[in-house]
PDB file of all heavy atoms in Angstrom:
ATOM      1  N   THR A   1     -11.546 -23.687  16.546  1.00  0.00           N
ATOM      2  CA  THR A   1     -10.644 -22.879  15.848  1.00  0.00           C
ATOM      3  C   THR A   1     -11.327 -21.948  14.920  1.00  0.00           C
ATOM      4  O   THR A   1     -11.146 -20.648  14.801  1.00  0.00           O
ATOM      5  CB  THR A   1      -9.554 -23.654  15.186  1.00  0.00           C
ATOM      6  OG1 THR A   1      -8.859 -24.478  16.134  1.00  0.00           O
ATOM      7  CG2 THR A   1      -8.597 -22.687  14.423  1.00  0.00           C
ATOM      8  N   THR A   2     -12.212 -22.470  14.113  1.00  0.00           N
ATOM      9  CA  THR A   2     -13.072 -21.734  13.155  1.00  0.00           C
ATOM     10  C   THR A   2     -13.934 -20.631  13.840  1.00  0.00           C
ATOM     11  O   THR A   2     -13.866 -19.479  13.482  1.00  0.00           O
ATOM     12  CB  THR A   2     -14.013 -22.707  12.342  1.00  0.00           C
ATOM     13  OG1 THR A   2     -13.192 -23.574  11.589  1.00  0.00           O
ATOM     14  CG2 THR A   2     -14.833 -21.878  11.393  1.00  0.00           C
ATOM     15  N   GLU A   3     -14.636 -21.030  14.889  1.00  0.00           N
ATOM     16  CA  GLU A   3     -15.555 -20.042  15.552  1.00  0.00           C
ATOM     17  C   GLU A   3     -14.578 -18.968  16.293  1.00  0.00           C
ATOM     18  O   GLU A   3     -15.039 -17.712  16.195  1.00  0.00           O
ATOM     19  CB  GLU A   3     -16.238 -20.798  16.663  1.00  0.00           C
ATOM     20  CG  GLU A   3     -17.357 -21.704  16.146  1.00  0.00           C
ATOM     21  CD  GLU A   3     -18.198 -22.238  17.183  1.00  0.00           C
ATOM     22  OE1 GLU A   3     -17.851 -22.491  18.314  1.00  0.00           O
ATOM     23  OE2 GLU A   3     -19.332 -22.681  16.904  1.00  0.00           O
ATOM     24  N   LEU A   4     -13.350 -19.270  16.809  1.00  0.00           N
ATOM     25  CA  LEU A   4     -12.637 -18.263  17.324  1.00  0.00           C
ATOM     26  C   LEU A   4     -12.095 -17.301  16.175  1.00  0.00           C
ATOM     27  O   LEU A   4     -12.221 -16.170  16.418  1.00  0.00           O
ATOM     28  CB  LEU A   4     -11.425 -18.899  18.093  1.00  0.00           C
ATOM     29  CG  LEU A   4     -10.399 -17.895  18.738  1.00  0.00           C
ATOM     30  CD1 LEU A   4     -11.090 -17.054  19.794  1.00  0.00           C
ATOM     31  CD2 LEU A   4      -9.270 -18.671  19.366  1.00  0.00           C
ATOM     32  N   GLN A   5     -11.740 -17.755  15.162  1.00  0.00           N
ATOM     33  CA  GLN A   5     -11.216 -16.958  14.154  1.00  0.00           C
ATOM     34  C   GLN A   5     -12.290 -16.018  13.477  1.00  0.00           C
ATOM     35  O   GLN A   5     -12.161 -14.758  13.150  1.00  0.00           O
ATOM     36  CB  GLN A   5     -10.548 -17.770  12.901  1.00  0.00           C
ATOM     37  CG  GLN A   5      -9.339 -18.499  13.296  1.00  0.00           C
ATOM     38  CD  GLN A   5      -8.077 -17.700  13.759  1.00  0.00           C
ATOM     39  OE1 GLN A   5      -8.277 -16.368  14.053  1.00  0.00           O
ATOM     40  NE2 GLN A   5      -6.980 -18.191  13.942  1.00  0.00           N
ATOM     41  N   LEU A   6     -13.463 -16.591  13.228  1.00  0.00           N
ATOM     42  CA  LEU A   6     -14.541 -15.741  12.780  1.00  0.00           C
ATOM     43  C   LEU A   6     -14.885 -14.716  13.747  1.00  0.00           C
ATOM     44  O   LEU A   6     -15.279 -13.574  13.338  1.00  0.00           O
ATOM     45  CB  LEU A   6     -15.807 -16.652  12.587  1.00  0.00           C
ATOM     46  CG  LEU A   6     -15.749 -17.636  11.313  1.00  0.00           C
ATOM     47  CD1 LEU A   6     -16.839 -18.856  11.349  1.00  0.00           C
ATOM     48  CD2 LEU A   6     -15.631 -17.005   9.978  1.00  0.00           C
ATOM     49  N   LEU A   7     -14.867 -15.038  14.959  1.00  0.00           N
ATOM     50  CA  LEU A   7     -15.250 -13.969  16.059  1.00  0.00           C
ATOM     51  C   LEU A   7     -14.253 -12.870  15.854  1.00  0.00           C
ATOM     52  O   LEU A   7     -14.640 -11.698  16.044  1.00  0.00           O
ATOM     53  CB  LEU A   7     -15.305 -14.609  17.351  1.00  0.00           C
ATOM     54  CG  LEU A   7     -15.522 -13.676  18.620  1.00  0.00           C
ATOM     55  CD1 LEU A   7     -16.709 -12.998  18.559  1.00  0.00           C
ATOM     56  CD2 LEU A   7     -15.273 -14.603  19.855  1.00  0.00           C
ATOM     57  N   ARG A   8     -12.952 -13.125  15.878  1.00  0.00           N
ATOM     58  CA  ARG A   8     -11.950 -12.238  15.855  1.00  0.00           C
ATOM     59  C   ARG A   8     -11.975 -11.292  14.558  1.00  0.00           C
ATOM     60  O   ARG A   8     -11.713 -10.166  14.672  1.00  0.00           O
ATOM     61  CB  ARG A   8     -10.518 -12.879  15.960  1.00  0.00           C
ATOM     62  CG  ARG A   8     -10.284 -13.653  17.247  1.00  0.00           C
ATOM     63  CD  ARG A   8     -10.152 -12.594  18.509  1.00  0.00           C
ATOM     64  NE  ARG A   8      -9.918 -13.236  19.753  1.00  0.00           N
ATOM     65  CZ  ARG A   8     -10.669 -13.358  20.882  1.00  0.00           C
ATOM     66  NH1 ARG A   8     -11.867 -12.802  20.738  1.00  0.00           N
ATOM     67  NH2 ARG A   8     -10.307 -13.935  21.920  1.00  0.00           N
ATOM     68  N   ILE A   9     -12.342 -11.979  13.448  1.00  0.00           N
ATOM     69  CA  ILE A   9     -12.385 -11.157  12.272  1.00  0.00           C
ATOM     70  C   ILE A   9     -13.497 -10.133  12.413  1.00  0.00           C
ATOM     71  O   ILE A   9     -13.233  -8.996  12.011  1.00  0.00           O
ATOM     72  CB  ILE A   9     -12.724 -12.137  11.123  1.00  0.00           C
ATOM     73  CG1 ILE A   9     -11.536 -13.056  10.818  1.00  0.00           C
ATOM     74  CG2 ILE A   9     -13.101 -11.291   9.821  1.00  0.00           C
ATOM     75  CD1 ILE A   9     -11.766 -14.185   9.906  1.00  0.00           C
ATOM     76  N   LEU A  10     -14.672 -10.522  12.852  1.00  0.00           N
ATOM     77  CA  LEU A  10     -15.796  -9.538  12.931  1.00  0.00           C
ATOM     78  C   LEU A  10     -15.470  -8.537  14.072  1.00  0.00           C
ATOM     79  O   LEU A  10     -15.923  -7.335  13.959  1.00  0.00           O
ATOM     80  CB  LEU A  10     -17.111 -10.297  13.239  1.00  0.00           C
ATOM     81  CG  LEU A  10     -17.512 -11.316  12.123  1.00  0.00           C
ATOM     82  CD1 LEU A  10     -18.739 -12.070  12.518  1.00  0.00           C
ATOM     83  CD2 LEU A  10     -17.712 -10.527  10.871  1.00  0.00           C
ATOM     84  N   GLN A  11     -14.745  -9.002  15.128  1.00  0.00           N
ATOM     85  CA  GLN A  11     -14.494  -7.890  16.111  1.00  0.00           C
ATOM     86  C   GLN A  11     -13.468  -6.859  15.551  1.00  0.00           C
ATOM     87  O   GLN A  11     -13.657  -5.768  15.790  1.00  0.00           O
ATOM     88  CB  GLN A  11     -13.649  -8.633  17.298  1.00  0.00           C
ATOM     89  CG  GLN A  11     -14.655  -9.428  18.183  1.00  0.00           C
ATOM     90  CD  GLN A  11     -13.939 -10.213  19.292  1.00  0.00           C
ATOM     91  OE1 GLN A  11     -12.686 -10.473  19.179  1.00  0.00           O
ATOM     92  NE2 GLN A  11     -14.600 -10.543  20.393  1.00  0.00           N
ATOM     93  N   GLU A  12     -12.466  -7.342  14.753  1.00  0.00           N
ATOM     94  CA  GLU A  12     -11.549  -6.387  14.085  1.00  0.00           C
ATOM     95  C   GLU A  12     -12.217  -5.427  13.066  1.00  0.00           C
ATOM     96  O   GLU A  12     -12.043  -4.248  13.074  1.00  0.00           O
ATOM     97  CB  GLU A  12     -10.528  -7.230  13.402  1.00  0.00           C
ATOM     98  CG  GLU A  12      -9.486  -6.318  12.642  1.00  0.00           C
ATOM     99  CD  GLU A  12      -8.582  -5.485  13.720  1.00  0.00           C
ATOM    100  OE1 GLU A  12      -8.256  -5.916  14.757  1.00  0.00           O
ATOM    101  OE2 GLU A  12      -8.258  -4.341  13.257  1.00  0.00           O
ATOM    102  N   ALA A  13     -13.312  -5.934  12.363  1.00  0.00           N
ATOM    103  CA  ALA A  13     -14.045  -5.151  11.523  1.00  0.00           C
ATOM    104  C   ALA A  13     -14.771  -4.015  12.228  1.00  0.00           C
ATOM    105  O   ALA A  13     -14.826  -2.910  11.874  1.00  0.00           O
ATOM    106  CB  ALA A  13     -14.972  -5.966  10.688  1.00  0.00           C
ATOM    107  N   LEU A  14     -15.440  -4.379  13.363  1.00  0.00           N
ATOM    108  CA  LEU A  14     -16.163  -3.455  14.188  1.00  0.00           C
ATOM    109  C   LEU A  14     -15.108  -2.431  14.862  1.00  0.00           C
ATOM    110  O   LEU A  14     -15.475  -1.268  14.991  1.00  0.00           O
ATOM    111  CB  LEU A  14     -16.921  -4.197  15.294  1.00  0.00           C
ATOM    112  CG  LEU A  14     -18.234  -4.829  14.701  1.00  0.00           C
ATOM    113  CD1 LEU A  14     -18.854  -5.664  15.878  1.00  0.00           C
ATOM    114  CD2 LEU A  14     -19.176  -3.828  14.202  1.00  0.00           C
ATOM    115  N   ALA A  15     -13.989  -2.830  15.232  1.00  0.00           N
ATOM    116  CA  ALA A  15     -12.983  -2.012  15.719  1.00  0.00           C
ATOM    117  C   ALA A  15     -12.596  -0.936  14.714  1.00  0.00           C
ATOM    118  O   ALA A  15     -12.438   0.273  15.078  1.00  0.00           O
ATOM    119  CB  ALA A  15     -11.745  -2.866  16.205  1.00  0.00           C
ATOM    120  N   ASN A  16     -12.496  -1.369  13.437  1.00  0.00           N
ATOM    121  CA  ASN A  16     -12.081  -0.432  12.452  1.00  0.00           C
ATOM    122  C   ASN A  16     -13.193   0.567  12.257  1.00  0.00           C
ATOM    123  O   ASN A  16     -12.882   1.767  11.852  1.00  0.00           O
ATOM    124  CB  ASN A  16     -11.954  -1.190  11.085  1.00  0.00           C
ATOM    125  CG  ASN A  16     -10.602  -1.909  10.979  1.00  0.00           C
ATOM    126  OD1 ASN A  16      -9.781  -1.610  11.849  1.00  0.00           O
ATOM    127  ND2 ASN A  16     -10.526  -2.958  10.173  1.00  0.00           N
ATOM    128  N   VAL A  17     -14.505   0.203  12.429  1.00  0.00           N
ATOM    129  CA  VAL A  17     -15.575   1.171  12.275  1.00  0.00           C
ATOM    130  C   VAL A  17     -15.425   2.256  13.325  1.00  0.00           C
ATOM    131  O   VAL A  17     -15.521   3.420  13.065  1.00  0.00           O
ATOM    132  CB  VAL A  17     -17.002   0.357  12.425  1.00  0.00           C
ATOM    133  CG1 VAL A  17     -18.100   1.328  12.516  1.00  0.00           C
ATOM    134  CG2 VAL A  17     -17.106  -0.510  11.280  1.00  0.00           C
ATOM    135  N   ARG A  18     -15.099   1.699  14.564  1.00  0.00           N
ATOM    136  CA  ARG A  18     -15.073   2.761  15.589  1.00  0.00           C
ATOM    137  C   ARG A  18     -13.809   3.659  15.440  1.00  0.00           C
ATOM    138  O   ARG A  18     -13.860   4.888  15.591  1.00  0.00           O
ATOM    139  CB  ARG A  18     -14.919   2.119  17.037  1.00  0.00           C
ATOM    140  CG  ARG A  18     -14.739   2.873  18.147  1.00  0.00           C
ATOM    141  CD  ARG A  18     -14.339   2.306  19.470  1.00  0.00           C
ATOM    142  NE  ARG A  18     -13.070   1.513  19.368  1.00  0.00           N
ATOM    143  CZ  ARG A  18     -11.785   2.185  19.406  1.00  0.00           C
ATOM    144  NH1 ARG A  18     -11.693   3.435  19.592  1.00  0.00           N
ATOM    145  NH2 ARG A  18     -10.626   1.451  19.321  1.00  0.00           N
ATOM    146  N   LYS A  19     -12.705   3.124  14.992  1.00  0.00           N
ATOM    147  CA  LYS A  19     -11.483   3.901  14.954  1.00  0.00           C
ATOM    148  C   LYS A  19     -11.334   4.783  13.696  1.00  0.00           C
ATOM    149  O   LYS A  19     -10.761   5.812  13.685  1.00  0.00           O
ATOM    150  CB  LYS A  19     -10.185   2.944  15.111  1.00  0.00           C
ATOM    151  CG  LYS A  19     -10.099   2.380  16.345  1.00  0.00           C
ATOM    152  CD  LYS A  19      -8.756   1.559  16.539  1.00  0.00           C
ATOM    153  CE  LYS A  19      -8.852   0.275  15.820  1.00  0.00           C
ATOM    154  NZ  LYS A  19      -7.644  -0.446  15.944  1.00  0.00           N
ATOM    155  N   HIS A  20     -11.906   4.409  12.549  1.00  0.00           N
ATOM    156  CA  HIS A  20     -11.471   4.932  11.225  1.00  0.00           C
ATOM    157  C   HIS A  20     -12.650   5.398  10.408  1.00  0.00           C
ATOM    158  O   HIS A  20     -12.437   6.391   9.653  1.00  0.00           O
ATOM    159  CB  HIS A  20     -10.709   4.004  10.364  1.00  0.00           C
ATOM    160  CG  HIS A  20      -9.472   3.410  11.116  1.00  0.00           C
ATOM    161  ND1 HIS A  20      -8.406   4.194  11.490  1.00  0.00           N
ATOM    162  CD2 HIS A  20      -9.226   2.136  11.505  1.00  0.00           C
ATOM    163  CE1 HIS A  20      -7.610   3.421  12.179  1.00  0.00           C
ATOM    164  NE2 HIS A  20      -8.017   2.103  12.082  1.00  0.00           N
ATOM    165  N   SER A  21     -13.841   4.968  10.736  1.00  0.00           N
ATOM    166  CA  SER A  21     -14.948   5.143   9.808  1.00  0.00           C
ATOM    167  C   SER A  21     -15.541   6.670   9.814  1.00  0.00           C
ATOM    168  O   SER A  21     -15.930   7.192   8.808  1.00  0.00           O
ATOM    169  CB  SER A  21     -16.108   4.179   9.889  1.00  0.00           C
ATOM    170  OG  SER A  21     -16.783   4.372  11.098  1.00  0.00           O
ATOM    171  N   GLN A  22     -15.545   7.296  10.997  1.00  0.00           N
ATOM    172  CA  GLN A  22     -16.398   8.481  11.147  1.00  0.00           C
ATOM    173  C   GLN A  22     -17.850   8.363  10.840  1.00  0.00           C
ATOM    174  O   GLN A  22     -18.442   9.269  10.145  1.00  0.00           O
ATOM    175  CB  GLN A  22     -15.779   9.639  10.439  1.00  0.00           C
ATOM    176  CG  GLN A  22     -14.233   9.872  10.958  1.00  0.00           C
ATOM    177  CD  GLN A  22     -13.537  11.037  10.136  1.00  0.00           C
ATOM    178  OE1 GLN A  22     -14.334  11.994   9.891  1.00  0.00           O
ATOM    179  NE2 GLN A  22     -12.399  10.854   9.887  1.00  0.00           N
ATOM    180  N   ALA A  23     -18.402   7.139  10.946  1.00  0.00           N
ATOM    181  CA  ALA A  23     -19.685   6.851  10.345  1.00  0.00           C
ATOM    182  C   ALA A  23     -20.773   7.346  11.325  1.00  0.00           C
ATOM    183  O   ALA A  23     -20.639   7.582  12.549  1.00  0.00           O
ATOM    184  CB  ALA A  23     -19.847   5.279  10.259  1.00  0.00           C
ATOM    185  N   LYS A  24     -21.929   7.536  10.736  1.00  0.00           N
ATOM    186  CA  LYS A  24     -23.121   7.838  11.410  1.00  0.00           C
ATOM    187  C   LYS A  24     -23.999   6.667  11.714  1.00  0.00           C
ATOM    188  O   LYS A  24     -24.815   6.644  12.599  1.00  0.00           O
ATOM    189  CB  LYS A  24     -23.961   8.849  10.649  1.00  0.00           C
ATOM    190  CG  LYS A  24     -23.301  10.296  10.437  1.00  0.00           C
ATOM    191  CD  LYS A  24     -24.117  11.180   9.728  1.00  0.00           C
ATOM    192  CE  LYS A  24     -23.455  12.533   9.495  1.00  0.00           C
ATOM    193  NZ  LYS A  24     -24.202  13.539   8.550  1.00  0.00           N
ATOM    194  N   GLN A  25     -23.809   5.561  10.979  1.00  0.00           N
ATOM    195  CA  GLN A  25     -24.591   4.335  11.178  1.00  0.00           C
ATOM    196  C   GLN A  25     -23.593   3.133  10.729  1.00  0.00           C
ATOM    197  O   GLN A  25     -22.881   3.247   9.828  1.00  0.00           O
ATOM    198  CB  GLN A  25     -25.836   4.406  10.383  1.00  0.00           C
ATOM    199  CG  GLN A  25     -26.627   3.159  10.437  1.00  0.00           C
ATOM    200  CD  GLN A  25     -27.273   3.105  11.842  1.00  0.00           C
ATOM    201  OE1 GLN A  25     -27.881   4.045  12.383  1.00  0.00           O
ATOM    202  NE2 GLN A  25     -27.446   1.805  12.396  1.00  0.00           N
ATOM    203  N   ALA A  26     -23.712   1.946  11.387  1.00  0.00           N
ATOM    204  CA  ALA A  26     -23.099   0.873  11.090  1.00  0.00           C
ATOM    205  C   ALA A  26     -24.042  -0.382  11.189  1.00  0.00           C
ATOM    206  O   ALA A  26     -25.099  -0.225  11.876  1.00  0.00           O
ATOM    207  CB  ALA A  26     -21.863   0.643  11.944  1.00  0.00           C
ATOM    208  N   ALA A  27     -23.635  -1.562  10.618  1.00  0.00           N
ATOM    209  CA  ALA A  27     -24.481  -2.671  10.754  1.00  0.00           C
ATOM    210  C   ALA A  27     -23.641  -4.031  10.779  1.00  0.00           C
ATOM    211  O   ALA A  27     -22.558  -4.035  10.166  1.00  0.00           O
ATOM    212  CB  ALA A  27     -25.328  -2.688   9.480  1.00  0.00           C
ATOM    213  N   LEU A  28     -24.094  -4.964  11.549  1.00  0.00           N
ATOM    214  CA  LEU A  28     -23.426  -6.231  11.618  1.00  0.00           C
ATOM    215  C   LEU A  28     -24.634  -7.257  11.169  1.00  0.00           C
ATOM    216  O   LEU A  28     -25.620  -7.375  11.878  1.00  0.00           O
ATOM    217  CB  LEU A  28     -22.941  -6.435  12.956  1.00  0.00           C
ATOM    218  CG  LEU A  28     -22.474  -8.028  13.257  1.00  0.00           C
ATOM    219  CD1 LEU A  28     -21.320  -8.366  12.317  1.00  0.00           C
ATOM    220  CD2 LEU A  28     -22.063  -8.249  14.638  1.00  0.00           C
ATOM    221  N   ARG A  29     -24.456  -7.966  10.183  1.00  0.00           N
ATOM    222  CA  ARG A  29     -25.437  -8.808   9.680  1.00  0.00           C
ATOM    223  C   ARG A  29     -24.728 -10.275   9.615  1.00  0.00           C
ATOM    224  O   ARG A  29     -23.711 -10.403   8.743  1.00  0.00           O
ATOM    225  CB  ARG A  29     -26.105  -8.532   8.355  1.00  0.00           C
ATOM    226  CG  ARG A  29     -26.637  -7.070   8.345  1.00  0.00           C
ATOM    227  CD  ARG A  29     -27.286  -6.769   6.986  1.00  0.00           C
ATOM    228  NE  ARG A  29     -27.729  -5.316   7.064  1.00  0.00           N
ATOM    229  CZ  ARG A  29     -27.047  -4.309   6.613  1.00  0.00           C
ATOM    230  NH1 ARG A  29     -25.743  -4.525   6.055  1.00  0.00           N
ATOM    231  NH2 ARG A  29     -27.499  -3.137   6.629  1.00  0.00           N
ATOM    232  N   VAL A  30     -25.249 -11.318  10.169  1.00  0.00           N
ATOM    233  CA  VAL A  30     -24.657 -12.653  10.068  1.00  0.00           C
ATOM    234  C   VAL A  30     -25.812 -13.595   9.779  1.00  0.00           C
ATOM    235  O   VAL A  30     -26.867 -13.536  10.441  1.00  0.00           O
ATOM    236  CB  VAL A  30     -23.904 -12.967  11.501  1.00  0.00           C
ATOM    237  CG1 VAL A  30     -23.332 -14.343  11.388  1.00  0.00           C
ATOM    238  CG2 VAL A  30     -23.032 -11.799  11.842  1.00  0.00           C
ATOM    239  N   THR A  31     -25.531 -14.604   8.929  1.00  0.00           N
ATOM    240  CA  THR A  31     -26.445 -15.764   8.710  1.00  0.00           C
ATOM    241  C   THR A  31     -25.534 -16.966   8.862  1.00  0.00           C
ATOM    242  O   THR A  31     -24.496 -17.207   8.200  1.00  0.00           O
ATOM    243  CB  THR A  31     -26.899 -15.604   7.178  1.00  0.00           C
ATOM    244  OG1 THR A  31     -27.598 -14.403   6.999  1.00  0.00           O
ATOM    245  CG2 THR A  31     -27.880 -16.814   6.970  1.00  0.00           C
ATOM    246  N   LEU A  32     -26.143 -17.908   9.701  1.00  0.00           N
ATOM    247  CA  LEU A  32     -25.480 -19.128  10.070  1.00  0.00           C
ATOM    248  C   LEU A  32     -26.299 -20.262   9.724  1.00  0.00           C
ATOM    249  O   LEU A  32     -27.435 -20.272   9.933  1.00  0.00           O
ATOM    250  CB  LEU A  32     -25.179 -19.250  11.534  1.00  0.00           C
ATOM    251  CG  LEU A  32     -24.304 -18.162  12.129  1.00  0.00           C
ATOM    252  CD1 LEU A  32     -25.197 -17.102  12.981  1.00  0.00           C
ATOM    253  CD2 LEU A  32     -23.238 -18.635  13.225  1.00  0.00           C
ATOM    254  N   THR A  33     -25.725 -21.295   9.000  1.00  0.00           N
ATOM    255  CA  THR A  33     -26.294 -22.568   8.735  1.00  0.00           C
ATOM    256  C   THR A  33     -25.301 -23.562   9.045  1.00  0.00           C
ATOM    257  O   THR A  33     -24.066 -23.369   9.247  1.00  0.00           O
ATOM    258  CB  THR A  33     -26.683 -22.633   7.202  1.00  0.00           C
ATOM    259  OG1 THR A  33     -25.528 -22.802   6.388  1.00  0.00           O
ATOM    260  CG2 THR A  33     -27.599 -21.549   6.814  1.00  0.00           C
ATOM    261  N   PRO A  34     -25.685 -24.917   9.269  1.00  0.00           N
ATOM    262  CA  PRO A  34     -24.704 -25.878   9.624  1.00  0.00           C
ATOM    263  C   PRO A  34     -23.513 -25.973   8.514  1.00  0.00           C
ATOM    264  O   PRO A  34     -22.448 -26.529   8.830  1.00  0.00           O
ATOM    265  CB  PRO A  34     -25.592 -27.149   9.634  1.00  0.00           C
ATOM    266  CG  PRO A  34     -26.914 -26.723   9.987  1.00  0.00           C
ATOM    267  CD  PRO A  34     -27.040 -25.428   9.196  1.00  0.00           C
ATOM    268  N   LYS A  35     -23.755 -25.600   7.253  1.00  0.00           N
ATOM    269  CA  LYS A  35     -22.850 -25.746   6.191  1.00  0.00           C
ATOM    270  C   LYS A  35     -22.177 -24.413   5.719  1.00  0.00           C
ATOM    271  O   LYS A  35     -21.044 -24.499   5.229  1.00  0.00           O
ATOM    272  CB  LYS A  35     -23.434 -26.291   4.933  1.00  0.00           C
ATOM    273  CG  LYS A  35     -23.917 -27.748   5.196  1.00  0.00           C
ATOM    274  CD  LYS A  35     -22.838 -28.762   5.395  1.00  0.00           C
ATOM    275  CE  LYS A  35     -23.237 -30.202   5.411  1.00  0.00           C
ATOM    276  NZ  LYS A  35     -22.191 -31.098   5.536  1.00  0.00           N
ATOM    277  N   ARG A  36     -22.650 -23.338   6.210  1.00  0.00           N
ATOM    278  CA  ARG A  36     -22.132 -21.932   5.720  1.00  0.00           C
ATOM    279  C   ARG A  36     -22.398 -20.795   6.627  1.00  0.00           C
ATOM    280  O   ARG A  36     -23.506 -20.841   7.305  1.00  0.00           O
ATOM    281  CB  ARG A  36     -22.849 -21.665   4.341  1.00  0.00           C
ATOM    282  CG  ARG A  36     -22.126 -20.675   3.596  1.00  0.00           C
ATOM    283  CD  ARG A  36     -22.619 -20.724   2.064  1.00  0.00           C
ATOM    284  NE  ARG A  36     -22.198 -19.617   1.233  1.00  0.00           N
ATOM    285  CZ  ARG A  36     -22.874 -18.492   0.995  1.00  0.00           C
ATOM    286  NH1 ARG A  36     -24.080 -18.346   1.355  1.00  0.00           N
ATOM    287  NH2 ARG A  36     -22.312 -17.635   0.174  1.00  0.00           N
ATOM    288  N   LEU A  37     -21.477 -19.963   6.691  1.00  0.00           N
ATOM    289  CA  LEU A  37     -21.710 -18.579   7.374  1.00  0.00           C
ATOM    290  C   LEU A  37     -21.366 -17.502   6.362  1.00  0.00           C
ATOM    291  O   LEU A  37     -20.373 -17.443   5.588  1.00  0.00           O
ATOM    292  CB  LEU A  37     -20.794 -18.481   8.575  1.00  0.00           C
ATOM    293  CG  LEU A  37     -20.700 -17.179   9.266  1.00  0.00           C
ATOM    294  CD1 LEU A  37     -20.672 -17.438  10.826  1.00  0.00           C
ATOM    295  CD2 LEU A  37     -19.562 -16.266   8.800  1.00  0.00           C
ATOM    296  N   VAL A  38     -22.291 -16.529   6.402  1.00  0.00           N
ATOM    297  CA  VAL A  38     -22.023 -15.259   5.679  1.00  0.00           C
ATOM    298  C   VAL A  38     -22.191 -14.022   6.777  1.00  0.00           C
ATOM    299  O   VAL A  38     -23.243 -14.005   7.369  1.00  0.00           O
ATOM    300  CB  VAL A  38     -23.039 -15.081   4.476  1.00  0.00           C
ATOM    301  CG1 VAL A  38     -22.772 -13.760   3.877  1.00  0.00           C
ATOM    302  CG2 VAL A  38     -22.851 -16.166   3.547  1.00  0.00           C
ATOM    303  N   ALA A  39     -21.196 -13.237   6.806  1.00  0.00           N
ATOM    304  CA  ALA A  39     -21.311 -12.085   7.750  1.00  0.00           C
ATOM    305  C   ALA A  39     -20.805 -10.794   7.088  1.00  0.00           C
ATOM    306  O   ALA A  39     -19.865 -10.825   6.199  1.00  0.00           O
ATOM    307  CB  ALA A  39     -20.400 -12.374   8.956  1.00  0.00           C
ATOM    308  N   GLU A  40     -21.427  -9.771   7.345  1.00  0.00           N
ATOM    309  CA  GLU A  40     -21.050  -8.420   6.800  1.00  0.00           C
ATOM    310  C   GLU A  40     -21.012  -7.366   7.987  1.00  0.00           C
ATOM    311  O   GLU A  40     -21.893  -7.414   8.848  1.00  0.00           O
ATOM    312  CB  GLU A  40     -22.078  -7.975   5.666  1.00  0.00           C
ATOM    313  CG  GLU A  40     -22.083  -8.773   4.483  1.00  0.00           C
ATOM    314  CD  GLU A  40     -22.905  -8.220   3.342  1.00  0.00           C
ATOM    315  OE1 GLU A  40     -23.646  -7.295   3.688  1.00  0.00           O
ATOM    316  OE2 GLU A  40     -22.881  -8.634   2.308  1.00  0.00           O
ATOM    317  N   VAL A  41     -19.921  -6.549   7.817  1.00  0.00           N
ATOM    318  CA  VAL A  41     -19.908  -5.329   8.702  1.00  0.00           C
ATOM    319  C   VAL A  41     -19.823  -4.237   7.716  1.00  0.00           C
ATOM    320  O   VAL A  41     -18.960  -4.099   6.999  1.00  0.00           O
ATOM    321  CB  VAL A  41     -18.671  -5.367   9.598  1.00  0.00           C
ATOM    322  CG1 VAL A  41     -18.552  -4.094  10.456  1.00  0.00           C
ATOM    323  CG2 VAL A  41     -18.788  -6.558  10.457  1.00  0.00           C
ATOM    324  N   GLU A  42     -20.842  -3.300   7.893  1.00  0.00           N
ATOM    325  CA  GLU A  42     -20.887  -2.195   6.934  1.00  0.00           C
ATOM    326  C   GLU A  42     -21.172  -0.870   7.610  1.00  0.00           C
ATOM    327  O   GLU A  42     -21.765  -0.782   8.685  1.00  0.00           O
ATOM    328  CB  GLU A  42     -22.167  -2.530   5.940  1.00  0.00           C
ATOM    329  CG  GLU A  42     -22.317  -1.518   4.904  1.00  0.00           C
ATOM    330  CD  GLU A  42     -23.314  -1.733   3.883  1.00  0.00           C
ATOM    331  OE1 GLU A  42     -24.158  -2.765   4.195  1.00  0.00           O
ATOM    332  OE2 GLU A  42     -23.444  -1.223   2.749  1.00  0.00           O
ATOM    333  N   ASP A  43     -20.543   0.206   7.048  1.00  0.00           N
ATOM    334  CA  ASP A  43     -20.736   1.468   7.706  1.00  0.00           C
ATOM    335  C   ASP A  43     -20.816   2.500   6.646  1.00  0.00           C
ATOM    336  O   ASP A  43     -20.646   2.228   5.470  1.00  0.00           O
ATOM    337  CB  ASP A  43     -19.529   1.855   8.653  1.00  0.00           C
ATOM    338  CG  ASP A  43     -18.244   2.010   7.891  1.00  0.00           C
ATOM    339  OD1 ASP A  43     -18.136   3.100   7.124  1.00  0.00           O
ATOM    340  OD2 ASP A  43     -17.395   1.191   7.923  1.00  0.00           O
ATOM    341  N   ASP A  44     -21.439   3.689   6.991  1.00  0.00           N
ATOM    342  CA  ASP A  44     -21.678   4.887   5.914  1.00  0.00           C
ATOM    343  C   ASP A  44     -20.586   5.880   6.156  1.00  0.00           C
ATOM    344  O   ASP A  44     -20.960   7.105   5.896  1.00  0.00           O
ATOM    345  CB  ASP A  44     -23.011   5.460   6.141  1.00  0.00           C
ATOM    346  CG  ASP A  44     -23.275   5.993   7.521  1.00  0.00           C
ATOM    347  OD1 ASP A  44     -22.441   5.964   8.329  1.00  0.00           O
ATOM    348  OD2 ASP A  44     -24.351   6.531   7.715  1.00  0.00           O
TER     349      ASP A  44
END
């Protein structure tokens, strides 16, 4: 359940980049450990 929800959150964030950002560059950064996940979707 957790993996599916994390996947959908990041997919939605990337969808927003495509639809709304008008960006020239975007980034997806993810760090996974057995105890913690940190993910960022960033655009200019």
